[in-house]
Amino acid sequence: MSLTQYMQQLSGNPLAIITALLTLGVILVNGWTDAPNAIATCVSTRSIKPRSAIIMAAIFNFLGVFVMTIISDKVAATISNMVNFGEDTSSATIALCAALFAIVVWATAAWKFGIPTSESHALIAGLSGAAIAIHGSIEGINGGEWVKVIYGLFLSTLLGFGAGFITTKLVEKIFARSDRVKATKGFRVAQNFGGAFMAFMHGAQDGQKFMGVFLLGNALSAGQSGVTEFHIPVWLMIICSVVMALGTSMGGYKIIKSVGMDMVKLKTYQGFSADTAAAFCLLLASLTGIPVSTTHTKTSSIMGVGFSKRASAVNWKIVGEMVMTWVLTFPGCGLLAYLMVKLFLTVL
């Protein structure tokens, strides 16, 4: 579908317009609360200025969306097929809108306190809570796709931590005899590449998730149910990347400070290690179609980097706040979406 055809489809369909705006709102909040993780370390170590980092993130988010979608669109398919809102497309569209509204509320509340919540898990929880609300049971949950979320939890947390720890140790061993000043300058440049790689993989993972929801909402608002395959147009990739970048520029510094400065004090080589380790974990997940949290992956990688030095190098109070938010996301955002669906269906 071309952009012109899409705009024509929106005309005269208020529900489709609302669905599109709410989806863009979720993408904007993702830029607020999630995308900053990709550039947190290279900004905190002063390898790149915040404004330049945001521009870099916008470019590589788009490239990640574009390139990974060509290679594999499994993540988008997993998200769109995870739930079934039923055959009544009008009620299904309202339920999807309620879920998106709940996600925005949840993520904004977390951002207010500077806690990097996972928009991926908020999205999954919101969609699941909405599906349960509209069916009155778990009938609308596709267990085969949902189990990939469980795999993603372990992949993003355990593998991210381990990869960060091992990568740091390898870098320290390889460059043990290098001139410290020259090595620092080299890692400052290398870390910018690491940050770009992270932004690329953020687009590859989160961009696909939200575009899958965007196209699902478009299909439902057009009266099409049971759609399981989507073709992601280039114009949607561009819009997704631009809106994410806008969100990052509006409110990303709080998250950058929490992840890149408060949790662990990083040197340039450590920032490079964290970015590289997390990006490769995300690449593995994207190629296998497992929807993982970029927030969990990046923060777990940073924890692994700090732990490689000593346990006390990690600010466990900040970690505890993050973990508590992660734990509460599934039941909290799911319940909020459930209640919003019941409210929206009653009012509308």
Protein backbone atom coordinates (compact mmCIF):
# COMPACT_ATOMS: atom_id res chain seq x y z
CA MET A 1 0.00 0.00 0.00
CA SER A 2 1.36 3.41 -0.99
CA LEU A 3 1.18 6.40 1.37
CA THR A 4 -1.41 8.03 -0.92
CA GLN A 5 -3.61 4.94 -0.77
CA TYR A 6 -3.25 4.83 2.99
CA MET A 7 -4.26 8.48 3.37
CA GLN A 8 -7.30 7.84 1.19
CA GLN A 9 -8.22 4.90 3.41
CA LEU A 10 -8.01 7.15 6.48
CA SER A 11 -10.38 9.75 5.04
CA GLY A 12 -13.88 9.25 6.38
CA ASN A 13 -12.77 6.62 8.89
CA PRO A 14 -12.36 8.28 12.32
CA LEU A 15 -11.56 4.97 14.04
CA ALA A 16 -8.68 4.35 11.64
CA ILE A 17 -7.33 7.85 12.33
CA ILE A 18 -7.52 7.34 16.10
CA THR A 19 -5.80 3.94 15.79
CA ALA A 20 -2.99 5.43 13.70
CA LEU A 21 -2.49 8.36 16.11
CA LEU A 22 -2.39 6.10 19.16
CA THR A 23 0.12 3.79 17.46
CA LEU A 24 2.30 6.77 16.61
CA GLY A 25 1.90 7.89 20.23
CA VAL A 26 3.26 4.55 21.43
CA ILE A 27 6.18 4.85 19.00
CA LEU A 28 6.85 8.38 20.29
CA VAL A 29 6.88 7.14 23.88
CA ASN A 30 9.20 4.33 22.80
CA GLY A 31 11.58 7.03 21.62
CA TRP A 32 11.17 8.74 24.98
CA THR A 33 11.80 5.71 27.14
CA ASP A 34 13.44 2.96 25.07
CA ALA A 35 15.50 4.33 22.17
CA PRO A 36 17.75 6.38 24.53
CA ASN A 37 19.18 3.09 25.83
CA ALA A 38 20.88 2.58 22.47
CA ILE A 39 22.92 5.77 22.78
CA ALA A 40 23.17 6.03 26.59
CA THR A 41 26.71 4.72 26.94
CA CYS A 42 28.34 6.68 24.12
CA VAL A 43 26.76 9.89 25.48
CA SER A 44 27.67 9.17 29.11
CA THR A 45 31.34 8.55 28.24
CA ARG A 46 31.36 11.78 26.17
CA SER A 47 32.27 9.94 22.99
CA ILE A 48 29.55 11.86 21.16
CA LYS A 49 27.37 14.88 21.95
CA PRO A 50 23.69 14.24 22.77
CA ARG A 51 22.33 16.06 19.70
CA SER A 52 24.69 14.20 17.37
CA ALA A 53 23.80 10.93 19.11
CA ILE A 54 20.09 11.55 18.52
CA ILE A 55 20.68 12.22 14.82
CA MET A 56 22.82 9.07 14.63
CA ALA A 57 20.11 7.08 16.41
CA ALA A 58 17.44 8.31 13.98
CA ILE A 59 19.50 7.32 10.93
CA PHE A 60 20.48 3.90 12.21
CA ASN A 61 17.02 3.18 13.62
CA PHE A 62 15.69 3.59 10.08
CA LEU A 63 18.48 1.49 8.59
CA GLY A 64 17.80 -1.20 11.19
CA VAL A 65 14.10 -1.25 10.33
CA PHE A 66 14.76 -1.24 6.59
CA VAL A 67 17.59 -3.77 6.37
CA MET A 68 16.27 -6.24 8.95
CA THR A 69 12.79 -6.19 7.43
CA ILE A 70 14.31 -7.18 4.09
CA ILE A 71 16.34 -9.97 5.74
CA SER A 72 13.60 -11.19 8.08
CA ASP A 73 10.26 -9.76 9.24
CA LYS A 74 9.72 -12.55 11.78
CA VAL A 75 9.53 -10.18 14.77
CA ALA A 76 6.69 -8.17 13.19
CA ALA A 77 4.85 -11.39 12.37
CA THR A 78 5.30 -12.72 15.91
CA ILE A 79 3.81 -9.59 17.47
CA SER A 80 0.85 -9.33 15.07
CA ASN A 81 0.00 -13.04 15.48
CA MET A 82 0.42 -13.12 19.26
CA VAL A 83 -3.23 -12.29 19.99
CA ASN A 84 -6.60 -12.64 18.30
CA PHE A 85 -9.18 -9.94 18.96
CA GLY A 86 -12.05 -11.87 17.33
CA GLU A 87 -14.13 -11.49 14.18
CA ASP A 88 -15.92 -8.28 15.20
CA THR A 89 -13.44 -5.82 13.73
CA SER A 90 -15.15 -2.78 15.24
CA SER A 91 -14.81 -4.10 18.80
CA ALA A 92 -11.36 -5.43 17.98
CA THR A 93 -10.19 -2.00 16.83
CA ILE A 94 -11.55 -0.37 19.98
CA ALA A 95 -9.77 -3.00 22.08
CA LEU A 96 -6.50 -2.34 20.25
CA CYS A 97 -6.90 1.42 20.82
CA ALA A 98 -7.52 0.81 24.52
CA ALA A 99 -4.38 -1.33 24.73
CA LEU A 100 -2.28 1.35 23.01
CA PHE A 101 -3.68 4.02 25.35
CA ALA A 102 -2.75 1.87 28.36
CA ILE A 103 0.80 1.42 27.04
CA VAL A 104 1.26 5.19 26.65
CA VAL A 105 0.02 5.79 30.21
CA TRP A 106 2.26 3.07 31.67
CA ALA A 107 5.39 4.17 29.80
CA THR A 108 4.88 7.86 30.56
CA ALA A 109 4.55 7.11 34.27
CA ALA A 110 7.83 5.16 34.22
CA TRP A 111 9.57 7.94 32.26
CA LYS A 112 8.39 10.48 34.85
CA PHE A 113 10.58 8.71 37.41
CA GLY A 114 13.47 8.21 34.97
CA ILE A 115 13.08 4.41 35.00
CA PRO A 116 13.84 2.68 31.68
CA THR A 117 10.78 0.50 31.26
CA SER A 118 10.54 -2.00 28.42
CA GLU A 119 8.14 -0.84 25.72
CA SER A 120 8.40 -4.27 24.14
CA HIS A 121 7.00 -5.94 27.23
CA ALA A 122 4.47 -3.16 27.77
CA LEU A 123 3.28 -3.73 24.19
CA ILE A 124 3.02 -7.49 24.67
CA ALA A 125 1.29 -7.09 28.05
CA GLY A 126 -1.13 -4.48 26.69
CA LEU A 127 -2.13 -6.58 23.68
CA SER A 128 -2.55 -9.67 25.86
CA GLY A 129 -4.66 -7.86 28.46
CA ALA A 130 -6.87 -6.44 25.70
CA ALA A 131 -7.33 -9.88 24.10
CA ILE A 132 -8.31 -11.41 27.45
CA ALA A 133 -10.77 -8.56 28.06
CA ILE A 134 -12.52 -8.89 24.71
CA HIS A 135 -12.80 -12.70 24.92
CA GLY A 136 -13.37 -12.93 28.67
CA SER A 137 -10.73 -15.69 28.76
CA ILE A 138 -7.25 -16.55 27.48
CA GLU A 139 -8.80 -17.87 24.28
CA GLY A 140 -7.43 -14.92 22.34
CA ILE A 141 -3.80 -15.62 23.35
CA ASN A 142 -1.66 -17.55 20.87
CA GLY A 143 0.48 -19.68 23.18
CA GLY A 144 2.83 -20.74 20.39
CA GLU A 145 3.84 -17.13 19.76
CA TRP A 146 3.68 -16.05 23.41
CA VAL A 147 6.25 -18.65 24.46
CA LYS A 148 8.78 -16.73 22.36
CA VAL A 149 8.39 -13.89 24.86
CA ILE A 150 9.57 -16.23 27.64
CA TYR A 151 12.58 -17.17 25.54
CA GLY A 152 13.18 -13.47 24.98
CA LEU A 153 13.20 -12.75 28.72
CA PHE A 154 16.03 -15.21 29.28
CA LEU A 155 17.86 -14.17 26.12
CA SER A 156 17.74 -10.45 26.90
CA THR A 157 18.63 -10.75 30.59
CA LEU A 158 20.97 -13.71 31.01
CA LEU A 159 22.67 -13.59 27.63
CA GLY A 160 22.95 -9.79 27.79
CA PHE A 161 24.65 -9.96 31.20
CA GLY A 162 26.96 -12.78 30.18
CA ALA A 163 27.88 -11.18 26.86
CA GLY A 164 28.70 -7.87 28.56
CA PHE A 165 30.90 -9.62 31.13
CA ILE A 166 32.78 -11.78 28.60
CA THR A 167 33.24 -9.01 26.02
CA THR A 168 34.77 -6.70 28.64
CA LYS A 169 37.17 -9.37 29.83
CA LEU A 170 38.23 -10.11 26.24
CA VAL A 171 38.79 -6.43 25.45
CA GLU A 172 40.84 -5.97 28.63
CA LYS A 173 42.99 -8.98 27.80
CA ILE A 174 43.53 -8.04 24.14
CA PHE A 175 44.46 -4.43 24.89
CA ALA A 176 46.25 -4.98 28.22
CA ARG A 177 49.60 -3.76 26.87
CA SER A 178 48.26 -0.92 24.72
CA ASP A 179 49.08 2.71 25.37
CA ARG A 180 46.27 3.97 27.61
CA VAL A 181 45.89 7.39 25.93
CA LYS A 182 45.85 5.97 22.39
CA ALA A 183 43.54 3.15 23.42
CA THR A 184 41.08 5.61 24.98
CA LYS A 185 40.98 7.68 21.79
CA GLY A 186 40.52 4.55 19.71
CA PHE A 187 37.70 3.25 21.89
CA ARG A 188 36.00 6.65 21.79
CA VAL A 189 35.70 6.28 18.02
CA ALA A 190 34.85 2.59 18.29
CA GLN A 191 32.13 3.33 20.81
CA ASN A 192 30.36 5.60 18.33
CA PHE A 193 30.27 2.64 15.96
CA GLY A 194 28.98 0.51 18.85
CA GLY A 195 26.24 3.06 19.58
CA ALA A 196 25.29 3.12 15.90
CA PHE A 197 25.14 -0.70 15.91
CA MET A 198 22.86 -0.59 18.97
CA ALA A 199 20.59 2.00 17.33
CA PHE A 200 20.50 -0.18 14.21
CA MET A 201 19.42 -3.21 16.24
CA HIS A 202 16.91 -1.15 18.23
CA GLY A 203 15.22 -0.27 14.94
CA ALA A 204 15.44 -3.89 13.82
CA GLN A 205 13.70 -5.12 16.98
CA ASP A 206 11.37 -2.39 18.25
CA GLY A 207 10.69 -0.84 14.87
CA GLN A 208 9.31 -4.14 13.59
CA LYS A 209 7.19 -4.66 16.71
CA PHE A 210 5.40 -1.33 16.39
CA MET A 211 5.03 -1.49 12.63
CA GLY A 212 3.41 -4.88 13.07
CA VAL A 213 0.89 -3.30 15.44
CA PHE A 214 0.41 -0.33 13.07
CA LEU A 215 -0.49 -2.64 10.20
CA LEU A 216 -2.67 -4.79 12.45
CA GLY A 217 -4.62 -1.69 13.47
CA ASN A 218 -4.89 -0.61 9.85
CA ALA A 219 -6.32 -4.00 8.86
CA LEU A 220 -8.84 -4.08 11.72
CA SER A 221 -10.03 -0.51 11.12
CA ALA A 222 -10.54 -1.43 7.45
CA GLY A 223 -12.80 -4.34 8.51
CA GLN A 224 -10.25 -7.09 7.84
CA SER A 225 -9.90 -9.78 10.51
CA GLY A 226 -7.65 -12.80 10.56
CA VAL A 227 -4.82 -11.05 8.68
CA THR A 228 -1.57 -12.88 9.45
CA GLU A 229 0.81 -11.61 6.77
CA PHE A 230 1.90 -8.01 6.21
CA HIS A 231 4.08 -6.18 3.72
CA ILE A 232 5.84 -3.31 5.48
CA PRO A 233 6.08 -0.27 3.15
CA VAL A 234 9.13 2.01 3.14
CA TRP A 235 7.06 5.10 4.03
CA LEU A 236 5.99 3.40 7.27
CA MET A 237 9.63 2.62 8.11
CA ILE A 238 10.52 6.29 7.63
CA ILE A 239 7.59 7.53 9.75
CA CYS A 240 8.44 5.06 12.52
CA SER A 241 12.10 6.13 12.58
CA VAL A 242 11.30 9.87 12.57
CA VAL A 243 8.73 9.60 15.37
CA MET A 244 11.16 7.53 17.48
CA ALA A 245 13.87 10.16 16.98
CA LEU A 246 11.44 12.92 17.95
CA GLY A 247 10.61 11.10 21.17
CA THR A 248 14.29 10.63 21.99
CA SER A 249 15.00 14.33 21.48
CA MET A 250 12.05 15.34 23.68
CA GLY A 251 12.69 13.32 26.79
CA GLY A 252 15.50 10.82 26.44
CA TYR A 253 18.06 12.43 28.75
CA LYS A 254 16.50 11.06 31.95
CA ILE A 255 16.88 7.52 30.68
CA ILE A 256 20.38 8.20 29.32
CA LYS A 257 21.38 9.42 32.81
CA SER A 258 19.87 6.40 34.60
CA VAL A 259 21.33 3.80 32.25
CA GLY A 260 24.62 5.36 31.20
CA MET A 261 25.63 7.31 34.30
CA ASP A 262 23.82 6.27 37.48
CA MET A 263 23.85 2.46 37.17
CA VAL A 264 27.55 1.96 36.33
CA LYS A 265 30.35 4.49 35.82
CA LEU A 266 31.71 3.45 32.44
CA LYS A 267 35.01 4.05 30.72
CA THR A 268 35.11 4.23 26.94
CA TYR A 269 36.24 0.63 26.40
CA GLN A 270 33.52 -0.55 28.79
CA GLY A 271 30.89 1.43 26.91
CA PHE A 272 32.12 -0.13 23.67
CA SER A 273 31.91 -3.60 25.24
CA ALA A 274 28.36 -3.02 26.50
CA ASP A 275 27.12 -1.71 23.13
CA THR A 276 28.75 -4.46 21.10
CA ALA A 277 27.59 -7.27 23.38
CA ALA A 278 23.99 -6.02 23.53
CA ALA A 279 23.81 -5.41 19.77
CA PHE A 280 24.92 -8.95 18.94
CA CYS A 281 22.33 -10.37 21.37
CA LEU A 282 19.64 -8.32 19.61
CA LEU A 283 20.89 -9.49 16.20
CA LEU A 284 20.59 -13.12 17.29
CA ALA A 285 17.06 -12.52 18.57
CA SER A 286 15.96 -10.69 15.40
CA LEU A 287 17.22 -13.42 13.08
CA THR A 288 15.35 -16.07 15.07
CA GLY A 289 12.12 -14.04 15.31
CA ILE A 290 12.21 -13.75 19.11
CA PRO A 291 10.80 -10.42 20.41
CA VAL A 292 13.22 -9.29 23.11
CA SER A 293 13.43 -6.11 25.12
CA THR A 294 16.17 -3.76 23.95
CA THR A 295 16.01 -2.14 27.40
CA HIS A 296 16.60 -5.43 29.20
CA THR A 297 19.36 -6.44 26.81
CA LYS A 298 21.27 -3.16 27.04
CA THR A 299 20.93 -2.66 30.80
CA SER A 300 21.81 -6.31 31.49
CA SER A 301 24.88 -5.92 29.29
CA ILE A 302 25.94 -2.82 31.26
CA MET A 303 25.45 -4.74 34.52
CA GLY A 304 27.69 -7.49 33.15
CA VAL A 305 30.33 -4.92 32.25
CA GLY A 306 30.25 -3.40 35.75
CA PHE A 307 30.26 -6.82 37.41
CA SER A 308 33.39 -7.78 35.42
CA LYS A 309 35.25 -5.21 37.50
CA ARG A 310 33.63 -5.90 40.85
CA ALA A 311 30.09 -6.33 42.18
CA SER A 312 30.21 -3.01 44.01
CA ALA A 313 30.81 -1.19 40.71
CA VAL A 314 27.12 -1.65 39.96
CA ASN A 315 24.59 0.65 41.64
CA TRP A 316 22.25 -2.10 42.81
CA LYS A 317 19.68 0.39 44.06
CA ILE A 318 19.14 1.62 40.49
CA VAL A 319 19.15 -1.98 39.27
CA GLY A 320 16.53 -2.87 41.87
CA GLU A 321 14.24 -0.06 40.69
CA MET A 322 14.62 -1.22 37.09
CA VAL A 323 13.96 -4.86 37.91
CA MET A 324 10.89 -3.96 39.94
CA THR A 325 9.52 -2.02 36.96
CA TRP A 326 10.27 -4.94 34.65
CA VAL A 327 8.52 -7.40 36.99
CA LEU A 328 5.46 -5.17 37.31
CA THR A 329 5.16 -4.43 33.58
CA PHE A 330 3.40 -7.64 32.55
CA PRO A 331 0.71 -7.73 35.27
CA GLY A 332 0.49 -3.94 35.63
CA CYS A 333 0.25 -2.91 32.00
CA GLY A 334 -1.82 -6.01 31.17
CA LEU A 335 -4.36 -5.18 33.88
CA LEU A 336 -4.45 -1.52 32.83
CA ALA A 337 -5.15 -2.56 29.23
CA TYR A 338 -7.84 -4.98 30.42
CA LEU A 339 -9.61 -2.22 32.36
CA MET A 340 -9.24 0.27 29.49
CA VAL A 341 -10.83 -2.19 27.05
CA LYS A 342 -13.81 -2.71 29.36
CA LEU A 343 -14.15 1.07 29.78
CA PHE A 344 -13.77 1.86 26.06
CA LEU A 345 -16.27 -0.81 24.99
CA THR A 346 -18.79 0.43 27.58
CA VAL A 347 -18.44 4.10 26.64
CA LEU A 348 -18.17 3.62 22.87
